[in-house]
Protein backbone atom coordinates (compact mmCIF):
# COMPACT_ATOMS: atom_id res chain seq x y z
CA UNK A 1 9.22 -22.00 -71.64
CA UNK A 2 8.51 -20.06 -68.44
CA UNK A 3 11.98 -18.50 -68.66
CA UNK A 4 11.32 -17.10 -72.12
CA UNK A 5 7.87 -15.86 -71.12
CA UNK A 6 9.42 -14.12 -68.12
CA UNK A 7 12.15 -12.59 -70.28
CA UNK A 8 9.55 -11.30 -72.75
CA UNK A 9 7.69 -9.73 -69.81
CA UNK A 10 10.88 -8.02 -68.59
CA UNK A 11 11.58 -6.71 -72.09
CA UNK A 12 8.05 -5.31 -72.26
CA UNK A 13 8.38 -3.53 -68.90
CA UNK A 14 11.74 -2.05 -69.88
CA UNK A 15 10.36 -1.00 -73.25
CA UNK A 16 7.78 1.13 -71.45
CA UNK A 17 10.55 2.56 -69.27
CA UNK A 18 12.63 3.39 -72.35
CA UNK A 19 9.66 5.05 -74.05
CA UNK A 20 9.21 7.28 -71.01
CA UNK A 21 12.79 8.54 -71.42
CA UNK A 22 12.23 8.91 -75.19
CA UNK A 23 9.75 11.71 -74.46
CA UNK A 24 12.27 13.73 -72.46
CA UNK A 25 15.17 13.17 -74.83
CA UNK A 26 13.00 14.53 -77.64
CA UNK A 27 13.07 17.91 -75.90
CA UNK A 28 16.82 17.74 -75.34
CA UNK A 29 16.54 16.95 -71.63
CA UNK A 30 18.75 14.23 -70.17
CA UNK A 31 16.94 13.16 -67.01
CA UNK A 32 17.75 10.34 -64.61
CA UNK A 33 14.49 10.77 -62.74
CA UNK A 34 12.70 7.97 -64.61
CA UNK A 35 13.75 5.45 -61.98
CA UNK A 36 12.02 7.59 -59.35
CA UNK A 37 8.79 7.80 -61.35
CA UNK A 38 9.04 4.04 -61.93
CA UNK A 39 9.30 3.48 -58.17
CA UNK A 40 6.36 5.78 -57.44
CA UNK A 41 4.19 3.87 -59.91
CA UNK A 42 5.29 0.53 -58.49
CA UNK A 43 4.54 1.41 -54.87
CA UNK A 44 1.34 3.33 -55.65
CA UNK A 45 -0.23 0.57 -57.76
CA UNK A 46 0.87 -2.13 -55.33
CA UNK A 47 -0.67 -0.28 -52.38
CA UNK A 48 -3.90 0.34 -54.27
CA UNK A 49 -4.43 -3.32 -55.20
CA UNK A 50 -3.24 -4.94 -51.96
CA UNK A 51 -4.21 -2.41 -49.29
CA UNK A 52 -7.25 -0.73 -50.86
CA UNK A 53 -8.49 -3.68 -52.88
CA UNK A 54 -8.69 -1.79 -56.15
CA UNK A 55 -8.82 -3.74 -59.43
CA UNK A 56 -5.65 -3.59 -61.51
CA UNK A 57 -7.46 -1.83 -64.36
CA UNK A 58 -8.05 1.14 -62.06
CA UNK A 59 -4.83 0.95 -60.02
CA UNK A 60 -2.51 1.17 -63.03
CA UNK A 61 -4.02 4.38 -64.49
CA UNK A 62 -4.13 5.86 -60.99
CA UNK A 63 -0.44 5.05 -60.45
CA UNK A 64 0.39 6.57 -63.84
CA UNK A 65 -1.54 9.72 -62.90
CA UNK A 66 0.26 10.00 -59.56
CA UNK A 67 3.63 9.60 -61.25
CA UNK A 68 2.68 12.18 -63.89
CA UNK A 69 1.63 14.66 -61.20
CA UNK A 70 4.96 14.25 -59.40
CA UNK A 71 6.81 14.52 -62.73
CA UNK A 72 5.10 17.82 -63.54
CA UNK A 73 5.93 19.09 -60.06
CA UNK A 74 9.57 18.13 -60.64
CA UNK A 75 9.55 19.49 -64.18
CA UNK A 76 8.85 23.11 -63.24
CA UNK A 77 11.88 23.64 -60.97
CA UNK A 78 13.99 21.48 -63.32
CA UNK A 79 13.46 24.12 -66.02
CA UNK A 80 15.81 26.42 -64.13
CA UNK A 81 18.76 24.14 -64.86
CA UNK A 82 19.98 22.27 -67.91
CA UNK A 83 22.75 19.98 -69.05
CA UNK A 84 24.89 18.48 -66.30
CA UNK A 85 23.01 20.31 -63.56
CA UNK A 86 19.73 18.77 -64.72
CA UNK A 87 21.31 15.32 -64.57
CA UNK A 88 22.53 15.97 -61.02
CA UNK A 89 19.15 17.36 -59.92
CA UNK A 90 17.21 14.41 -61.32
CA UNK A 91 19.66 11.91 -59.82
CA UNK A 92 19.06 13.57 -56.46
CA UNK A 93 15.29 13.28 -56.94
CA UNK A 94 15.51 9.59 -57.85
CA UNK A 95 17.69 8.92 -54.82
CA UNK A 96 15.22 10.74 -52.54
CA UNK A 97 12.42 8.53 -53.86
CA UNK A 98 14.54 5.41 -53.30
CA UNK A 99 15.28 6.42 -49.71
CA UNK A 100 11.59 7.13 -49.09
CA UNK A 101 10.85 3.59 -50.29
CA UNK A 102 13.59 2.31 -47.98
CA UNK A 103 12.01 3.99 -44.96
CA UNK A 104 8.32 3.68 -45.83
CA UNK A 105 6.43 1.49 -43.39
CA UNK A 106 2.67 1.35 -43.76
CA UNK A 107 0.88 -1.94 -43.27
CA UNK A 108 -2.80 -2.72 -42.88
CA UNK A 109 -4.54 -5.88 -41.77
CA UNK A 110 -6.51 -7.79 -44.38
CA UNK A 111 -8.16 -11.19 -44.51
CA UNK A 112 -4.85 -12.73 -45.59
CA UNK A 113 -2.80 -10.94 -42.95
CA UNK A 114 -0.91 -7.62 -42.79
CA UNK A 115 0.14 -6.20 -46.17
CA UNK A 116 1.92 -3.08 -47.31
CA UNK A 117 5.41 -1.56 -47.46
CA UNK A 118 7.66 -2.70 -44.61
CA UNK A 119 10.62 -0.38 -44.74
CA UNK A 120 13.93 -1.99 -45.64
CA UNK A 121 12.23 -5.39 -45.94
CA UNK A 122 10.41 -4.16 -49.01
CA UNK A 123 6.85 -4.51 -50.17
CA UNK A 124 5.74 -8.09 -50.70
CA UNK A 125 2.46 -9.86 -51.18
CA UNK A 126 1.52 -8.01 -54.38
CA UNK A 127 -0.25 -11.09 -55.66
CA UNK A 128 -3.01 -9.72 -57.85
CA UNK A 129 -2.08 -11.91 -60.81
CA UNK A 130 -1.79 -15.24 -58.90
CA UNK A 131 -4.86 -14.51 -56.78
CA UNK A 132 -6.96 -13.90 -59.87
CA UNK A 133 -5.65 -16.87 -61.82
CA UNK A 134 -3.61 -14.99 -64.43
CA UNK A 135 -1.28 -17.19 -66.46
CA UNK A 136 2.17 -16.10 -67.67
CA UNK A 137 0.87 -15.78 -71.21
CA UNK A 138 -2.02 -13.56 -70.10
CA UNK A 139 0.40 -11.32 -68.18
CA UNK A 140 2.62 -11.16 -71.27
CA UNK A 141 -0.33 -10.18 -73.46
CA UNK A 142 -1.28 -7.43 -70.99
CA UNK A 143 2.25 -6.02 -70.88
CA UNK A 144 2.73 -5.96 -74.63
CA UNK A 145 -0.80 -4.68 -75.14
CA UNK A 146 0.16 -1.70 -72.98
CA UNK A 147 3.41 -1.32 -74.94
CA UNK A 148 1.44 -1.25 -78.20
CA UNK A 149 -1.04 1.29 -76.80
CA UNK A 150 1.74 3.58 -75.56
CA UNK A 151 3.62 3.33 -78.85
CA UNK A 152 0.50 4.18 -80.82
CA UNK A 153 -0.15 7.16 -78.54
CA UNK A 154 3.44 8.40 -78.85
CA UNK A 155 3.37 7.89 -82.62
CA UNK A 156 0.30 10.13 -82.72
CA UNK A 157 2.00 12.66 -80.45
CA UNK A 158 5.08 12.62 -82.68
CA UNK A 159 2.97 13.51 -85.72
CA UNK A 160 0.94 16.14 -83.86
CA UNK A 161 1.75 19.70 -82.85
CA UNK A 162 3.12 18.39 -79.53
CA UNK A 163 5.75 16.29 -81.26
CA UNK A 164 6.71 19.20 -83.49
CA UNK A 165 7.17 21.43 -80.44
CA UNK A 166 9.25 18.77 -78.67
CA UNK A 167 11.59 18.36 -81.63
CA UNK A 168 11.93 22.11 -82.11
CA UNK A 169 12.88 22.62 -78.47
CA UNK A 170 15.28 19.69 -78.61
CA UNK A 171 17.03 21.04 -81.70
CA UNK A 172 17.48 24.65 -80.57
CA UNK A 173 15.77 26.23 -77.58
CA UNK A 174 16.68 29.79 -78.56
CA UNK A 175 15.31 29.40 -82.08
CA UNK A 176 12.18 27.69 -80.77
CA UNK A 177 11.52 30.46 -78.29
CA UNK A 178 12.13 33.12 -80.96
CA UNK A 179 9.25 31.75 -83.05
CA UNK A 180 6.87 31.82 -80.10
CA UNK A 181 7.16 28.27 -78.73
CA UNK A 182 6.46 28.05 -75.01
CA UNK A 183 9.51 26.25 -73.63
CA UNK A 184 7.88 25.68 -70.26
CA UNK A 185 4.83 23.97 -71.74
CA UNK A 186 6.92 21.79 -74.06
CA UNK A 187 9.35 20.61 -71.39
CA UNK A 188 6.80 20.13 -68.62
CA UNK A 189 4.49 18.18 -70.95
CA UNK A 190 7.41 15.88 -71.80
CA UNK A 191 8.12 15.42 -68.09
CA UNK A 192 4.47 14.68 -67.37
CA UNK A 193 3.90 12.21 -70.21
CA UNK A 194 7.24 10.52 -69.58
CA UNK A 195 6.43 10.29 -65.87
CA UNK A 196 3.04 8.72 -66.58
CA UNK A 197 4.60 6.04 -68.82
CA UNK A 198 7.32 5.33 -66.25
CA UNK A 199 4.68 5.03 -63.52
CA UNK A 200 2.68 2.63 -65.68
CA UNK A 201 5.73 0.46 -66.27
CA UNK A 202 6.51 0.50 -62.54
CA UNK A 203 2.97 -0.60 -61.72
CA UNK A 204 3.20 -3.56 -64.10
CA UNK A 205 6.64 -4.42 -62.73
CA UNK A 206 5.39 -4.51 -59.13
CA UNK A 207 2.61 -6.96 -59.98
CA UNK A 208 4.82 -9.07 -62.20
CA UNK A 209 7.54 -9.68 -59.58
CA UNK A 210 5.10 -9.59 -56.56
CA UNK A 211 7.85 -8.20 -54.27
CA UNK A 212 9.61 -4.85 -54.63
CA UNK A 213 12.18 -3.01 -52.56
CA UNK A 214 14.36 0.07 -52.72
CA UNK A 215 17.17 -1.91 -54.37
CA UNK A 216 15.04 -2.27 -57.51
CA UNK A 217 15.22 1.47 -58.15
CA UNK A 218 18.92 2.31 -58.18
CA UNK A 219 20.73 4.65 -60.57
CA UNK A 220 21.36 1.66 -62.86
CA UNK A 221 17.63 1.50 -63.68
CA UNK A 222 17.61 5.17 -64.72
CA UNK A 223 20.76 4.58 -66.77
CA UNK A 224 19.01 1.79 -68.64
CA UNK A 225 16.01 4.06 -69.22
CA UNK A 226 17.97 6.72 -71.12
CA UNK A 227 20.30 4.19 -72.77
CA UNK A 228 17.48 2.50 -74.68
CA UNK A 229 16.35 5.52 -76.76
CA UNK A 230 19.94 6.74 -77.14
CA UNK A 231 21.07 3.41 -78.57
CA UNK A 232 17.89 2.93 -80.57
CA UNK A 233 17.73 6.47 -81.88
CA UNK A 234 15.06 9.10 -81.46
CA UNK A 235 13.98 8.93 -85.11
CA UNK A 236 11.76 5.92 -84.44
CA UNK A 237 9.96 4.37 -81.51
CA UNK A 238 11.05 0.97 -82.79
CA UNK A 239 14.66 1.91 -82.10
CA UNK A 240 13.88 1.81 -78.40
CA UNK A 241 12.26 -1.61 -78.74
CA UNK A 242 15.28 -2.98 -80.63
CA UNK A 243 17.66 -1.56 -78.03
CA UNK A 244 15.72 -3.13 -75.14
CA UNK A 245 15.64 -6.52 -76.88
CA UNK A 246 19.38 -6.34 -77.53
CA UNK A 247 20.37 -5.16 -74.04
CA UNK A 248 17.96 -7.23 -71.93
CA UNK A 249 17.68 -10.24 -74.20
CA UNK A 250 21.26 -10.59 -75.42
CA UNK A 251 23.59 -8.51 -73.27
CA UNK A 252 21.99 -9.16 -69.86
CA UNK A 253 20.57 -12.67 -70.25
CA UNK A 254 22.42 -14.10 -73.24
CA UNK A 255 25.83 -13.18 -71.81
CA UNK A 256 25.05 -14.00 -68.18
CA UNK A 257 28.07 -16.32 -68.08
CA UNK A 258 30.31 -13.25 -68.31
CA UNK A 259 29.12 -11.96 -64.95
CA UNK A 260 30.17 -8.39 -64.14
CA UNK A 261 31.93 -8.07 -67.50
CA UNK A 262 28.50 -7.35 -68.96
CA UNK A 263 28.55 -3.92 -67.30
CA UNK A 264 31.79 -3.14 -69.12
CA UNK A 265 30.27 -4.27 -72.41
CA UNK A 266 27.21 -2.13 -71.75
CA UNK A 267 29.31 0.97 -71.20
CA UNK A 268 31.47 0.22 -74.21
CA UNK A 269 28.37 -0.24 -76.37
CA UNK A 270 26.99 3.17 -75.41
CA UNK A 271 30.36 4.79 -76.08
CA UNK A 272 30.70 3.14 -79.49
CA UNK A 273 27.20 4.09 -80.58
CA UNK A 274 27.66 7.71 -79.49
CA UNK A 275 30.98 7.91 -81.38
CA UNK A 276 30.16 5.93 -84.52
CA UNK A 277 26.39 6.25 -84.88
CA UNK A 278 25.13 9.07 -82.66
CA UNK A 279 21.69 9.00 -84.27
CA UNK A 280 21.12 5.43 -83.01
CA UNK A 281 20.92 1.93 -84.43
CA UNK A 282 17.56 2.54 -86.14
CA UNK A 283 19.45 4.48 -88.82
CA UNK A 284 21.37 1.35 -89.78
CA UNK A 285 20.13 -0.69 -92.78
CA UNK A 286 18.58 -3.39 -90.60
CA UNK A 287 16.93 -0.77 -88.40
CA UNK A 288 15.41 1.04 -91.37
CA UNK A 289 14.21 -2.25 -92.85
CA UNK A 290 12.59 -3.25 -89.55
CA UNK A 291 10.89 0.12 -89.14
CA UNK A 292 9.57 0.10 -92.71
CA UNK A 293 8.30 -3.46 -92.38
CA UNK A 294 6.30 -2.51 -89.29
CA UNK A 295 5.23 0.78 -90.95
CA UNK A 296 5.65 2.74 -87.75
CA UNK A 297 8.05 5.34 -89.11
CA UNK A 298 7.10 8.31 -91.21
CA UNK A 299 7.25 7.18 -94.85
CA UNK A 300 9.92 8.87 -96.90
CA UNK A 301 8.72 11.38 -99.46
CA UNK A 302 8.83 9.96 -103.02
CA UNK A 303 11.56 11.33 -105.23
CA UNK A 304 11.68 11.69 -108.98
CA UNK A 305 14.72 12.86 -110.89
CA UNK A 306 16.44 13.90 -107.70
CA UNK A 307 13.59 16.23 -106.70
CA UNK A 308 11.37 15.71 -103.73
CA UNK A 309 7.63 16.10 -104.21
CA UNK A 310 5.28 17.04 -101.36
């Protein structure tokens, strides 16, 4: 039972990570910086709870805010490049963050001994949940409660002026700019909101696993982040959830006996989806049924006699 609870927690954390990349992909930006924002949130929240003694309810929003601030700072210079150069620039940023985590040593003495990041040895002792008597089910409820809150917020964004601006910029930057849309505001807001969600997921991750290190934040993590919304499709938030469940629940855990062959299957899956169903799996019959049953998608306009009525 503990295994399945732990797997559900991992899926929840990765869902938040995928939703952070969903924001950027909506504006047509392919960024691999989400792993860096995830790491910033993980280290920041862990340091706030263990070294400063902050409650988790304050540390998580603070970590999300720190990650969002860094994301906005990264977003402005990133506007100067696009396409492959943006991918390279964001990979460089994520690697810089990982190397900072690798070299960061800052420990303070507490009643239970020295705590804090210890360079290449990582950052252990993030035991807020065990120290406060949290059960696995309570942690799971917290994680998925945050997932639900983020999805509701993004669903509202998607139906608001912000979502309209994001989609317009993602479809055609030149056309969007010609009608007066501020490209800088649209892209930087996507970076900031995506960074905040990634930082939030990193903060939850740090407290769930209790020990983090630079090896948790490799390029593979960022690849997963953008793969989820690509496979799930940008038309619905539930596509990202379905993609995370499939990849983490089936491909990673269900096929563990295949070992490294899973990486080959993962790459082949992305290639097949991009070739055969570039809009994502949520456009498939089962995806549309799932989205309608949850009522999270925009309802289709009723049609009569082949004509669409507003």
